[in-house]
Amino acid sequence: GDLDKVVNLLLSLSGRLARVENALNNLDDSTSSEERRTLVDKQKLLTQQHEDAKELKENLDRRERIVFDILANYLSEENLADYEHFVKMKSALIIEQRELEDKIKLGEEQLKCLTDSL
């Protein structure tokens, strides 16, 4: 459960940080200093939150290694390999699920825009 939460948190923060950085990069001369300052403050906050989330992931990885070492005393090599594969695949599948959800959301937005333009 913790793995799901931490991976989703990292993905969410990464996406939000990328959007803020894109917004900062696309500012023009007519942008008010207050808007610019707001985006810079948001970028700093998201960067710190992302660093905190990475630290959570590192702690989770350490816990995973401890659990793995304990399980090594009780499981056969085959079962231990299955467990290790499960944990690795779970993260990969969470990331893939998030990417697919984002693609679906983008497709729905594009469809709405096309429908509205007709």
N, C-alpha and C. Protein backbone atom coordinates (compact mmCIF):
# COMPACT_ATOMS: atom_id res chain seq x y z
N GLY A 1 0.81 -1.19 0.00
CA GLY A 1 0.00 0.00 0.00
C GLY A 1 0.85 1.26 0.00
N ASP A 2 1.91 1.24 0.79
CA ASP A 2 2.80 2.41 0.85
C ASP A 2 3.46 2.65 -0.50
N LEU A 3 3.79 1.57 -1.18
CA LEU A 3 4.44 1.69 -2.49
C LEU A 3 3.52 2.43 -3.46
N ASP A 4 2.25 2.05 -3.49
CA ASP A 4 1.28 2.72 -4.37
C ASP A 4 1.23 4.22 -4.07
N LYS A 5 1.11 4.53 -2.80
CA LYS A 5 0.97 5.94 -2.39
C LYS A 5 2.20 6.76 -2.74
N VAL A 6 3.37 6.22 -2.46
CA VAL A 6 4.61 6.97 -2.70
C VAL A 6 4.87 7.14 -4.20
N VAL A 7 4.66 6.09 -4.97
CA VAL A 7 4.87 6.20 -6.42
C VAL A 7 3.88 7.19 -7.02
N ASN A 8 2.61 7.11 -6.62
CA ASN A 8 1.62 8.07 -7.12
C ASN A 8 1.95 9.50 -6.69
N LEU A 9 2.44 9.67 -5.47
CA LEU A 9 2.83 10.99 -5.00
C LEU A 9 3.98 11.54 -5.85
N LEU A 10 4.98 10.70 -6.10
CA LEU A 10 6.11 11.15 -6.94
C LEU A 10 5.66 11.52 -8.35
N LEU A 11 4.79 10.70 -8.91
CA LEU A 11 4.30 10.99 -10.27
C LEU A 11 3.50 12.29 -10.29
N SER A 12 2.65 12.47 -9.29
CA SER A 12 1.83 13.67 -9.23
C SER A 12 2.69 14.92 -9.08
N LEU A 13 3.64 14.87 -8.15
CA LEU A 13 4.51 16.02 -7.94
C LEU A 13 5.38 16.31 -9.16
N SER A 14 5.86 15.26 -9.82
CA SER A 14 6.67 15.45 -11.02
C SER A 14 5.86 16.14 -12.12
N GLY A 15 4.62 15.70 -12.30
CA GLY A 15 3.76 16.32 -13.31
C GLY A 15 3.45 17.77 -13.00
N ARG A 16 3.12 18.04 -11.74
CA ARG A 16 2.81 19.42 -11.35
C ARG A 16 4.03 20.31 -11.49
N LEU A 17 5.19 19.80 -11.09
CA LEU A 17 6.43 20.57 -11.21
C LEU A 17 6.75 20.85 -12.67
N ALA A 18 6.56 19.88 -13.54
CA ALA A 18 6.82 20.08 -14.97
C ALA A 18 5.89 21.14 -15.54
N ARG A 19 4.62 21.13 -15.13
CA ARG A 19 3.68 22.14 -15.63
C ARG A 19 4.06 23.55 -15.17
N VAL A 20 4.50 23.67 -13.92
CA VAL A 20 4.92 24.99 -13.41
C VAL A 20 6.17 25.45 -14.14
N GLU A 21 7.12 24.54 -14.36
CA GLU A 21 8.34 24.92 -15.06
C GLU A 21 8.05 25.30 -16.51
N ASN A 22 7.12 24.61 -17.15
CA ASN A 22 6.71 24.99 -18.51
C ASN A 22 6.07 26.37 -18.50
N ALA A 23 5.23 26.62 -17.52
CA ALA A 23 4.59 27.94 -17.43
C ALA A 23 5.65 29.03 -17.23
N LEU A 24 6.64 28.76 -16.41
CA LEU A 24 7.72 29.74 -16.20
C LEU A 24 8.51 29.98 -17.48
N ASN A 25 8.78 28.91 -18.20
CA ASN A 25 9.55 29.04 -19.45
C ASN A 25 8.77 29.76 -20.54
N ASN A 26 7.44 29.75 -20.45
CA ASN A 26 6.62 30.37 -21.48
C ASN A 26 6.14 31.78 -21.11
N LEU A 27 6.65 32.31 -20.02
CA LEU A 27 6.26 33.67 -19.65
C LEU A 27 6.85 34.67 -20.65
N ASP A 28 6.09 35.71 -20.91
CA ASP A 28 6.61 36.75 -21.80
C ASP A 28 6.80 38.04 -21.01
N ASP A 29 7.21 39.08 -21.70
CA ASP A 29 7.52 40.35 -21.04
C ASP A 29 6.30 41.01 -20.42
N SER A 30 5.12 40.67 -20.91
CA SER A 30 3.92 41.31 -20.39
C SER A 30 3.41 40.67 -19.09
N THR A 31 4.04 39.59 -18.66
CA THR A 31 3.63 38.91 -17.43
C THR A 31 4.02 39.77 -16.23
N SER A 32 3.08 39.93 -15.32
CA SER A 32 3.34 40.75 -14.14
C SER A 32 4.36 40.06 -13.24
N SER A 33 5.05 40.89 -12.46
CA SER A 33 6.06 40.34 -11.55
C SER A 33 5.39 39.49 -10.47
N GLU A 34 4.15 39.81 -10.14
CA GLU A 34 3.44 39.02 -9.13
C GLU A 34 3.13 37.61 -9.66
N GLU A 35 2.71 37.52 -10.92
CA GLU A 35 2.47 36.20 -11.52
C GLU A 35 3.76 35.39 -11.57
N ARG A 36 4.83 36.05 -11.96
CA ARG A 36 6.14 35.38 -12.05
C ARG A 36 6.56 34.89 -10.65
N ARG A 37 6.40 35.75 -9.65
CA ARG A 37 6.79 35.41 -8.28
C ARG A 37 5.94 34.24 -7.75
N THR A 38 4.65 34.26 -8.07
CA THR A 38 3.76 33.17 -7.65
C THR A 38 4.22 31.84 -8.23
N LEU A 39 4.57 31.85 -9.52
CA LEU A 39 5.04 30.62 -10.16
C LEU A 39 6.38 30.15 -9.58
N VAL A 40 7.27 31.09 -9.31
CA VAL A 40 8.57 30.73 -8.72
C VAL A 40 8.37 30.14 -7.33
N ASP A 41 7.48 30.75 -6.54
CA ASP A 41 7.19 30.22 -5.20
C ASP A 41 6.59 28.83 -5.28
N LYS A 42 5.68 28.64 -6.24
CA LYS A 42 5.07 27.32 -6.41
C LYS A 42 6.13 26.31 -6.83
N GLN A 43 7.05 26.72 -7.70
CA GLN A 43 8.12 25.83 -8.14
C GLN A 43 9.00 25.41 -6.95
N LYS A 44 9.34 26.37 -6.10
CA LYS A 44 10.17 26.05 -4.93
C LYS A 44 9.45 25.08 -4.01
N LEU A 45 8.16 25.31 -3.77
CA LEU A 45 7.39 24.44 -2.89
C LEU A 45 7.30 23.02 -3.46
N LEU A 46 6.98 22.94 -4.76
CA LEU A 46 6.88 21.62 -5.39
C LEU A 46 8.22 20.90 -5.43
N THR A 47 9.29 21.63 -5.63
CA THR A 47 10.63 21.03 -5.63
C THR A 47 10.94 20.44 -4.26
N GLN A 48 10.62 21.17 -3.20
CA GLN A 48 10.86 20.66 -1.85
C GLN A 48 9.98 19.45 -1.56
N GLN A 49 8.72 19.52 -1.97
CA GLN A 49 7.83 18.38 -1.77
C GLN A 49 8.31 17.16 -2.54
N HIS A 50 8.83 17.38 -3.75
CA HIS A 50 9.36 16.28 -4.55
C HIS A 50 10.58 15.66 -3.87
N GLU A 51 11.45 16.48 -3.31
CA GLU A 51 12.62 15.97 -2.58
C GLU A 51 12.16 15.15 -1.36
N ASP A 52 11.15 15.63 -0.65
CA ASP A 52 10.61 14.90 0.50
C ASP A 52 10.03 13.56 0.05
N ALA A 53 9.34 13.55 -1.07
CA ALA A 53 8.75 12.31 -1.58
C ALA A 53 9.84 11.32 -1.99
N LYS A 54 10.93 11.84 -2.56
CA LYS A 54 12.05 10.95 -2.93
C LYS A 54 12.66 10.34 -1.67
N GLU A 55 12.71 11.11 -0.60
CA GLU A 55 13.22 10.58 0.67
C GLU A 55 12.29 9.49 1.21
N LEU A 56 10.99 9.70 1.08
CA LEU A 56 10.03 8.67 1.47
C LEU A 56 10.26 7.39 0.67
N LYS A 57 10.51 7.54 -0.63
CA LYS A 57 10.75 6.38 -1.50
C LYS A 57 12.03 5.65 -1.07
N GLU A 58 13.06 6.40 -0.71
CA GLU A 58 14.30 5.79 -0.25
C GLU A 58 14.07 5.00 1.04
N ASN A 59 13.28 5.56 1.95
CA ASN A 59 12.96 4.85 3.20
C ASN A 59 12.15 3.59 2.90
N LEU A 60 11.23 3.69 1.97
CA LEU A 60 10.44 2.53 1.57
C LEU A 60 11.33 1.45 0.96
N ASP A 61 12.30 1.87 0.14
CA ASP A 61 13.24 0.92 -0.45
C ASP A 61 14.06 0.21 0.62
N ARG A 62 14.46 0.95 1.67
CA ARG A 62 15.21 0.33 2.76
C ARG A 62 14.34 -0.70 3.49
N ARG A 63 13.09 -0.33 3.74
CA ARG A 63 12.16 -1.27 4.38
C ARG A 63 11.97 -2.51 3.52
N GLU A 64 11.88 -2.30 2.21
CA GLU A 64 11.72 -3.42 1.28
C GLU A 64 12.91 -4.38 1.37
N ARG A 65 14.11 -3.82 1.45
CA ARG A 65 15.31 -4.67 1.56
C ARG A 65 15.30 -5.46 2.87
N ILE A 66 14.85 -4.84 3.95
CA ILE A 66 14.78 -5.54 5.24
C ILE A 66 13.78 -6.69 5.16
N VAL A 67 12.60 -6.42 4.59
CA VAL A 67 11.59 -7.46 4.43
C VAL A 67 12.13 -8.58 3.55
N PHE A 68 12.83 -8.21 2.48
CA PHE A 68 13.40 -9.20 1.58
C PHE A 68 14.38 -10.10 2.33
N ASP A 69 15.24 -9.51 3.15
CA ASP A 69 16.21 -10.30 3.92
C ASP A 69 15.52 -11.24 4.90
N ILE A 70 14.44 -10.78 5.51
CA ILE A 70 13.69 -11.64 6.43
C ILE A 70 13.03 -12.78 5.67
N LEU A 71 12.40 -12.43 4.54
CA LEU A 71 11.73 -13.47 3.75
C LEU A 71 12.72 -14.49 3.20
N ALA A 72 13.95 -14.08 2.96
CA ALA A 72 14.96 -15.00 2.44
C ALA A 72 15.18 -16.16 3.39
N ASN A 73 14.92 -15.96 4.67
CA ASN A 73 15.08 -17.03 5.66
C ASN A 73 13.93 -18.02 5.64
N TYR A 74 12.80 -17.63 5.05
CA TYR A 74 11.60 -18.46 5.12
C TYR A 74 11.10 -18.99 3.77
N LEU A 75 11.49 -18.33 2.69
CA LEU A 75 10.98 -18.72 1.38
C LEU A 75 12.04 -19.46 0.57
N SER A 76 11.56 -20.28 -0.35
CA SER A 76 12.49 -20.93 -1.28
C SER A 76 13.03 -19.88 -2.24
N GLU A 77 14.10 -20.22 -2.94
CA GLU A 77 14.68 -19.26 -3.90
C GLU A 77 13.66 -18.86 -4.96
N GLU A 78 12.88 -19.83 -5.41
CA GLU A 78 11.87 -19.56 -6.43
C GLU A 78 10.80 -18.60 -5.91
N ASN A 79 10.30 -18.84 -4.70
CA ASN A 79 9.29 -17.96 -4.12
C ASN A 79 9.85 -16.57 -3.84
N LEU A 80 11.10 -16.53 -3.42
CA LEU A 80 11.75 -15.25 -3.16
C LEU A 80 11.91 -14.46 -4.46
N ALA A 81 12.26 -15.14 -5.52
CA ALA A 81 12.38 -14.49 -6.83
C ALA A 81 11.03 -13.99 -7.30
N ASP A 82 9.97 -14.77 -7.04
CA ASP A 82 8.61 -14.34 -7.39
C ASP A 82 8.23 -13.07 -6.62
N TYR A 83 8.56 -13.05 -5.34
CA TYR A 83 8.26 -11.87 -4.52
C TYR A 83 8.99 -10.64 -5.05
N GLU A 84 10.27 -10.81 -5.35
CA GLU A 84 11.08 -9.69 -5.86
C GLU A 84 10.51 -9.19 -7.19
N HIS A 85 10.13 -10.10 -8.05
CA HIS A 85 9.54 -9.72 -9.34
C HIS A 85 8.21 -8.97 -9.13
N PHE A 86 7.40 -9.46 -8.20
CA PHE A 86 6.13 -8.81 -7.90
C PHE A 86 6.33 -7.36 -7.47
N VAL A 87 7.26 -7.13 -6.57
CA VAL A 87 7.50 -5.77 -6.06
C VAL A 87 7.98 -4.85 -7.17
N LYS A 88 8.90 -5.35 -8.01
CA LYS A 88 9.41 -4.53 -9.11
C LYS A 88 8.32 -4.24 -10.14
N MET A 89 7.52 -5.24 -10.47
CA MET A 89 6.46 -5.06 -11.46
C MET A 89 5.36 -4.14 -10.95
N LYS A 90 5.12 -4.17 -9.66
CA LYS A 90 4.06 -3.33 -9.09
C LYS A 90 4.36 -1.86 -9.37
N SER A 91 5.58 -1.43 -9.12
CA SER A 91 5.96 -0.03 -9.39
C SER A 91 5.83 0.29 -10.87
N ALA A 92 6.31 -0.61 -11.71
CA ALA A 92 6.25 -0.38 -13.16
C ALA A 92 4.80 -0.29 -13.63
N LEU A 93 3.95 -1.14 -13.08
CA LEU A 93 2.54 -1.13 -13.49
C LEU A 93 1.81 0.11 -12.99
N ILE A 94 2.17 0.60 -11.82
CA ILE A 94 1.58 1.84 -11.31
C ILE A 94 1.93 2.99 -12.24
N ILE A 95 3.18 3.05 -12.66
CA ILE A 95 3.63 4.11 -13.56
C ILE A 95 2.91 4.00 -14.90
N GLU A 96 2.82 2.78 -15.42
CA GLU A 96 2.14 2.57 -16.70
C GLU A 96 0.66 2.94 -16.60
N GLN A 97 0.02 2.58 -15.50
CA GLN A 97 -1.38 2.92 -15.30
C GLN A 97 -1.57 4.44 -15.31
N ARG A 98 -0.67 5.14 -14.64
CA ARG A 98 -0.76 6.60 -14.57
C ARG A 98 -0.60 7.21 -15.96
N GLU A 99 0.35 6.69 -16.74
CA GLU A 99 0.55 7.19 -18.10
C GLU A 99 -0.68 6.96 -18.96
N LEU A 100 -1.29 5.79 -18.83
CA LEU A 100 -2.50 5.50 -19.60
C LEU A 100 -3.66 6.40 -19.19
N GLU A 101 -3.79 6.64 -17.89
CA GLU A 101 -4.84 7.55 -17.41
C GLU A 101 -4.63 8.96 -17.97
N ASP A 102 -3.38 9.40 -18.01
CA ASP A 102 -3.08 10.72 -18.57
C ASP A 102 -3.40 10.78 -20.06
N LYS A 103 -3.09 9.71 -20.79
CA LYS A 103 -3.39 9.67 -22.22
C LYS A 103 -4.90 9.67 -22.46
N ILE A 104 -5.64 8.95 -21.64
CA ILE A 104 -7.10 8.95 -21.76
C ILE A 104 -7.64 10.34 -21.49
N LYS A 105 -7.15 10.98 -20.46
CA LYS A 105 -7.60 12.33 -20.12
C LYS A 105 -7.31 13.30 -21.26
N LEU A 106 -6.12 13.22 -21.82
CA LEU A 106 -5.75 14.08 -22.95
C LEU A 106 -6.65 13.81 -24.15
N GLY A 107 -6.89 12.54 -24.44
CA GLY A 107 -7.76 12.19 -25.57
C GLY A 107 -9.17 12.72 -25.37
N GLU A 108 -9.68 12.62 -24.14
CA GLU A 108 -11.02 13.15 -23.86
C GLU A 108 -11.07 14.66 -24.03
N GLU A 109 -10.01 15.35 -23.59
CA GLU A 109 -9.95 16.80 -23.75
C GLU A 109 -9.89 17.18 -25.23
N GLN A 110 -9.10 16.45 -26.01
CA GLN A 110 -9.00 16.73 -27.44
C GLN A 110 -10.34 16.46 -28.13
N LEU A 111 -11.01 15.39 -27.75
CA LEU A 111 -12.31 15.07 -28.31
C LEU A 111 -13.32 16.17 -28.00
N LYS A 112 -13.30 16.66 -26.79
CA LYS A 112 -14.21 17.74 -26.38
C LYS A 112 -13.94 19.00 -27.21
N CYS A 113 -12.67 19.33 -27.39
CA CYS A 113 -12.31 20.51 -28.18
C CYS A 113 -12.76 20.35 -29.63
N LEU A 114 -12.57 19.15 -30.19
CA LEU A 114 -13.01 18.90 -31.55
C LEU A 114 -14.53 19.00 -31.67
N THR A 115 -15.23 18.43 -30.72
CA THR A 115 -16.69 18.48 -30.71
C THR A 115 -17.19 19.91 -30.60
N ASP A 116 -16.54 20.68 -29.72
CA ASP A 116 -16.93 22.08 -29.54
C ASP A 116 -16.66 22.92 -30.79
N SER A 117 -15.61 22.56 -31.53
CA SER A 117 -15.27 23.34 -32.72
C SER A 117 -16.19 23.05 -33.90
N LEU A 118 -16.91 21.93 -33.83
CA LEU A 118 -17.84 21.58 -34.91
C LEU A 118 -19.10 22.35 -34.68
